[in-house]
Amino acid sequence: MTLLIALIVVVIIVVVYLVMQANRKTRDQGNKN
């Protein structure tokens, strides 16, 4: 059970990190344009 909770937490952190990276990329493209 604890392993499942840890896995869910890791997945959430990865998703948040990817979303932040995507937002940063779109923001950089907007600045270049």
PDB file of N, CA and C in Angstrom:
ATOM      1  N   MET A   1       0.845  -1.201   0.000  1.00  0.00           N
ATOM      2  CA  MET A   1       0.000   0.000   0.000  1.00  0.00           C
ATOM      3  C   MET A   1       0.881   1.253   0.000  1.00  0.00           C
ATOM      4  N   THR A   2       1.905   1.239   0.858  1.00  0.00           N
ATOM      5  CA  THR A   2       2.800   2.409   0.902  1.00  0.00           C
ATOM      6  C   THR A   2       3.504   2.594  -0.434  1.00  0.00           C
ATOM      7  N   LEU A   3       3.886   1.478  -1.076  1.00  0.00           N
ATOM      8  CA  LEU A   3       4.568   1.567  -2.365  1.00  0.00           C
ATOM      9  C   LEU A   3       3.654   2.212  -3.397  1.00  0.00           C
ATOM     10  N   LEU A   4       2.365   1.876  -3.364  1.00  0.00           N
ATOM     11  CA  LEU A   4       1.412   2.451  -4.306  1.00  0.00           C
ATOM     12  C   LEU A   4       1.310   3.960  -4.098  1.00  0.00           C
ATOM     13  N   ILE A   5       1.244   4.389  -2.852  1.00  0.00           N
ATOM     14  CA  ILE A   5       1.154   5.826  -2.559  1.00  0.00           C
ATOM     15  C   ILE A   5       2.413   6.534  -3.055  1.00  0.00           C
ATOM     16  N   ALA A   6       3.581   5.942  -2.814  1.00  0.00           N
ATOM     17  CA  ALA A   6       4.838   6.548  -3.259  1.00  0.00           C
ATOM     18  C   ALA A   6       4.855   6.655  -4.780  1.00  0.00           C
ATOM     19  N   LEU A   7       4.364   5.632  -5.470  1.00  0.00           N
ATOM     20  CA  LEU A   7       4.336   5.650  -6.930  1.00  0.00           C
ATOM     21  C   LEU A   7       3.432   6.770  -7.431  1.00  0.00           C
ATOM     22  N   ILE A   8       2.272   6.939  -6.812  1.00  0.00           N
ATOM     23  CA  ILE A   8       1.344   7.999  -7.209  1.00  0.00           C
ATOM     24  C   ILE A   8       1.994   9.367  -7.005  1.00  0.00           C
ATOM     25  N   VAL A   9       2.679   9.544  -5.881  1.00  0.00           N
ATOM     26  CA  VAL A   9       3.335  10.833  -5.607  1.00  0.00           C
ATOM     27  C   VAL A   9       4.390  11.127  -6.667  1.00  0.00           C
ATOM     28  N   VAL A  10       5.176  10.122  -7.033  1.00  0.00           N
ATOM     29  CA  VAL A  10       6.212  10.315  -8.051  1.00  0.00           C
ATOM     30  C   VAL A  10       5.582  10.704  -9.384  1.00  0.00           C
ATOM     31  N   VAL A  11       4.504  10.038  -9.761  1.00  0.00           N
ATOM     32  CA  VAL A  11       3.833  10.344 -11.027  1.00  0.00           C
ATOM     33  C   VAL A  11       3.338  11.790 -11.017  1.00  0.00           C
ATOM     34  N   ILE A  12       2.745  12.221  -9.912  1.00  0.00           N
ATOM     35  CA  ILE A  12       2.237  13.596  -9.822  1.00  0.00           C
ATOM     36  C   ILE A  12       3.389  14.586  -9.980  1.00  0.00           C
ATOM     37  N   ILE A  13       4.518  14.322  -9.321  1.00  0.00           N
ATOM     38  CA  ILE A  13       5.667  15.236  -9.415  1.00  0.00           C
ATOM     39  C   ILE A  13       6.164  15.314 -10.856  1.00  0.00           C
ATOM     40  N   VAL A  14       6.241  14.177 -11.534  1.00  0.00           N
ATOM     41  CA  VAL A  14       6.713  14.160 -12.921  1.00  0.00           C
ATOM     42  C   VAL A  14       5.764  14.948 -13.816  1.00  0.00           C
ATOM     43  N   VAL A  15       4.465  14.760 -13.634  1.00  0.00           N
ATOM     44  CA  VAL A  15       3.477  15.474 -14.455  1.00  0.00           C
ATOM     45  C   VAL A  15       3.607  16.978 -14.239  1.00  0.00           C
ATOM     46  N   VAL A  16       3.711  17.397 -12.980  1.00  0.00           N
ATOM     47  CA  VAL A  16       3.848  18.835 -12.692  1.00  0.00           C
ATOM     48  C   VAL A  16       5.126  19.373 -13.329  1.00  0.00           C
ATOM     49  N   TYR A  17       6.212  18.618 -13.263  1.00  0.00           N
ATOM     50  CA  TYR A  17       7.486  19.059 -13.842  1.00  0.00           C
ATOM     51  C   TYR A  17       7.358  19.214 -15.359  1.00  0.00           C
ATOM     52  N   LEU A  18       6.712  18.251 -16.020  1.00  0.00           N
ATOM     53  CA  LEU A  18       6.548  18.326 -17.472  1.00  0.00           C
ATOM     54  C   LEU A  18       5.676  19.508 -17.857  1.00  0.00           C
ATOM     55  N   VAL A  19       4.623  19.764 -17.094  1.00  0.00           N
ATOM     56  CA  VAL A  19       3.741  20.905 -17.389  1.00  0.00           C
ATOM     57  C   VAL A  19       4.528  22.206 -17.257  1.00  0.00           C
ATOM     58  N   MET A  20       5.353  22.309 -16.219  1.00  0.00           N
ATOM     59  CA  MET A  20       6.159  23.521 -16.032  1.00  0.00           C
ATOM     60  C   MET A  20       7.132  23.698 -17.191  1.00  0.00           C
ATOM     61  N   GLN A  21       7.747  22.615 -17.651  1.00  0.00           N
ATOM     62  CA  GLN A  21       8.679  22.698 -18.773  1.00  0.00           C
ATOM     63  C   GLN A  21       7.937  23.133 -20.038  1.00  0.00           C
ATOM     64  N   ALA A  22       6.747  22.608 -20.268  1.00  0.00           N
ATOM     65  CA  ALA A  22       5.962  22.969 -21.450  1.00  0.00           C
ATOM     66  C   ALA A  22       5.589  24.443 -21.397  1.00  0.00           C
ATOM     67  N   ASN A  23       5.192  24.923 -20.223  1.00  0.00           N
ATOM     68  CA  ASN A  23       4.835  26.337 -20.090  1.00  0.00           C
ATOM     69  C   ASN A  23       6.050  27.214 -20.363  1.00  0.00           C
ATOM     70  N   ARG A  24       7.217  26.795 -19.898  1.00  0.00           N
ATOM     71  CA  ARG A  24       8.436  27.578 -20.114  1.00  0.00           C
ATOM     72  C   ARG A  24       8.768  27.635 -21.601  1.00  0.00           C
ATOM     73  N   LYS A  25       8.610  26.519 -22.323  1.00  0.00           N
ATOM     74  CA  LYS A  25       8.910  26.488 -23.755  1.00  0.00           C
ATOM     75  C   LYS A  25       7.974  27.421 -24.518  1.00  0.00           C
ATOM     76  N   THR A  26       6.683  27.369 -24.233  1.00  0.00           N
ATOM     77  CA  THR A  26       5.733  28.220 -24.948  1.00  0.00           C
ATOM     78  C   THR A  26       6.028  29.679 -24.632  1.00  0.00           C
ATOM     79  N   ARG A  27       6.424  29.972 -23.396  1.00  0.00           N
ATOM     80  CA  ARG A  27       6.725  31.351 -23.011  1.00  0.00           C
ATOM     81  C   ARG A  27       7.960  31.840 -23.773  1.00  0.00           C
ATOM     82  N   ASP A  28       8.983  30.975 -23.928  1.00  0.00           N
ATOM     83  CA  ASP A  28      10.189  31.375 -24.654  1.00  0.00           C
ATOM     84  C   ASP A  28       9.860  31.622 -26.128  1.00  0.00           C
ATOM     85  N   GLN A  29       9.034  30.767 -26.713  1.00  0.00           N
ATOM     86  CA  GLN A  29       8.651  30.955 -28.113  1.00  0.00           C
ATOM     87  C   GLN A  29       7.909  32.274 -28.284  1.00  0.00           C
ATOM     88  N   GLY A  30       7.066  32.620 -27.333  1.00  0.00           N
ATOM     89  CA  GLY A  30       6.319  33.875 -27.402  1.00  0.00           C
ATOM     90  C   GLY A  30       7.268  35.059 -27.344  1.00  0.00           C
ATOM     91  N   ASN A  31       8.312  34.967 -26.519  1.00  0.00           N
ATOM     92  CA  ASN A  31       9.268  36.067 -26.415  1.00  0.00           C
ATOM     93  C   ASN A  31      10.067  36.206 -27.707  1.00  0.00           C
ATOM     94  N   LYS A  32      10.422  35.083 -28.345  1.00  0.00           N
ATOM     95  CA  LYS A  32      11.179  35.145 -29.598  1.00  0.00           C
ATOM     96  C   LYS A  32      10.328  35.806 -30.680  1.00  0.00           C
ATOM     97  N   ASN A  33       9.052  35.491 -30.714  1.00  0.00           N
ATOM     98  CA  ASN A  33       8.179  36.094 -31.718  1.00  0.00           C
ATOM     99  C   ASN A  33       7.940  37.546 -31.360  1.00  0.00           C
TER     100      ASN A  33
END
